C-alpha cells in the first residue's frame, strides 16, 4: 500500500514509518494539535495516480519535546 512499516499494539496499528519519518495515527480530537504545531499528514500516490491522505501525522520536534502531553 504505502511501502513503509506499521507499528502495532494489541493488533491495532497506531503508527507507521515511511522514508525514515515516524507518523502517528491521529483523530479528530488531536488532529488540530498536530497541524497547529507544523505536522503534516502522510500521503502517497496510488496506482491510479490519485493522491491518498491517511489519518497519520508526522511526529515533529515539538511533540517529541512534549511527549508526556501529546494525545495519541
Protein backbone atom coordinates (compact mmCIF):
# COMPACT_ATOMS: atom_id res chain seq x y z
CA UNK A 1 0.00 0.00 0.00
CA UNK A 2 2.49 2.70 1.09
CA UNK A 3 5.88 0.95 1.20
CA UNK A 4 6.58 1.53 4.88
CA UNK A 5 6.33 -0.23 8.22
CA UNK A 6 3.34 -0.45 10.53
CA UNK A 7 3.69 -0.28 14.31
CA UNK A 8 1.07 -2.26 16.22
CA UNK A 9 -0.09 -2.77 19.79
CA UNK A 10 -2.66 -5.42 20.64
CA UNK A 11 -3.36 -5.98 16.95
CA UNK A 12 -4.10 -2.32 16.17
CA UNK A 13 -1.87 -0.09 14.07
CA UNK A 14 -1.05 3.20 15.78
CA UNK A 15 1.94 4.45 13.78
CA UNK A 16 3.83 4.00 10.52
CA UNK A 17 7.38 4.65 9.41
CA UNK A 18 7.92 5.73 5.81
CA UNK A 19 11.20 7.08 4.41
CA UNK A 20 12.65 7.33 7.95
CA UNK A 21 9.74 9.52 9.14
CA UNK A 22 7.50 8.46 12.04
CA UNK A 23 3.78 9.16 11.68
CA UNK A 24 1.25 8.59 14.50
CA UNK A 25 -2.38 7.86 13.83
CA UNK A 26 -4.46 10.92 14.68
CA UNK A 27 -8.15 11.51 15.25
CA UNK A 28 -10.49 14.47 15.14
CA UNK A 29 -9.60 15.06 18.81
CA UNK A 30 -5.85 15.64 18.35
CA UNK A 31 -5.52 16.33 14.60
CA UNK A 32 -5.62 20.12 15.13
CA UNK A 33 -2.84 19.94 17.74
CA UNK A 34 -0.54 18.23 15.26
CA UNK A 35 -1.44 20.62 12.43
CA UNK A 36 -1.05 23.77 14.58
CA UNK A 37 2.47 22.66 15.50
CA UNK A 38 3.66 22.10 11.94
CA UNK A 39 2.91 18.42 11.45
CA UNK A 40 1.78 17.24 8.03
CA UNK A 41 -0.40 14.23 7.23
CA UNK A 42 1.05 11.22 5.46
CA UNK A 43 0.05 10.96 1.81
CA UNK A 44 1.07 8.85 -1.15
CA UNK A 45 0.22 8.48 -4.81
CA UNK A 46 -1.97 5.45 -5.54
CA UNK A 47 -1.62 3.32 -8.65
CA UNK A 48 -4.38 5.32 -10.31
CA UNK A 49 -2.27 8.48 -9.75
CA UNK A 50 -4.73 9.75 -7.15
CA UNK A 51 -3.18 11.36 -4.04
CA UNK A 52 -4.27 9.47 -0.90
CA UNK A 53 -4.10 11.14 2.53
CA UNK A 54 -4.42 8.93 5.59
CA UNK A 55 -5.07 9.79 9.22
CA UNK A 56 -1.45 9.72 10.31
CA UNK A 57 0.59 12.85 11.03
CA UNK A 58 4.33 13.14 11.23
CA UNK A 59 5.95 13.47 14.61
CA UNK A 60 7.77 16.77 14.91
CA UNK A 61 10.29 18.03 17.43
CA UNK A 62 7.56 19.93 19.31
CA UNK A 63 5.71 16.72 20.01
CA UNK A 64 8.85 14.83 20.96
CA UNK A 65 9.74 17.51 23.49
CA UNK A 66 6.25 17.28 25.00
CA UNK A 67 5.74 13.53 24.64
CA UNK A 68 4.00 13.19 28.00
CA UNK A 69 1.26 15.64 26.99
CA UNK A 70 0.71 14.60 23.37
CA UNK A 71 -2.50 12.67 22.76
CA UNK A 72 -2.03 9.65 20.56
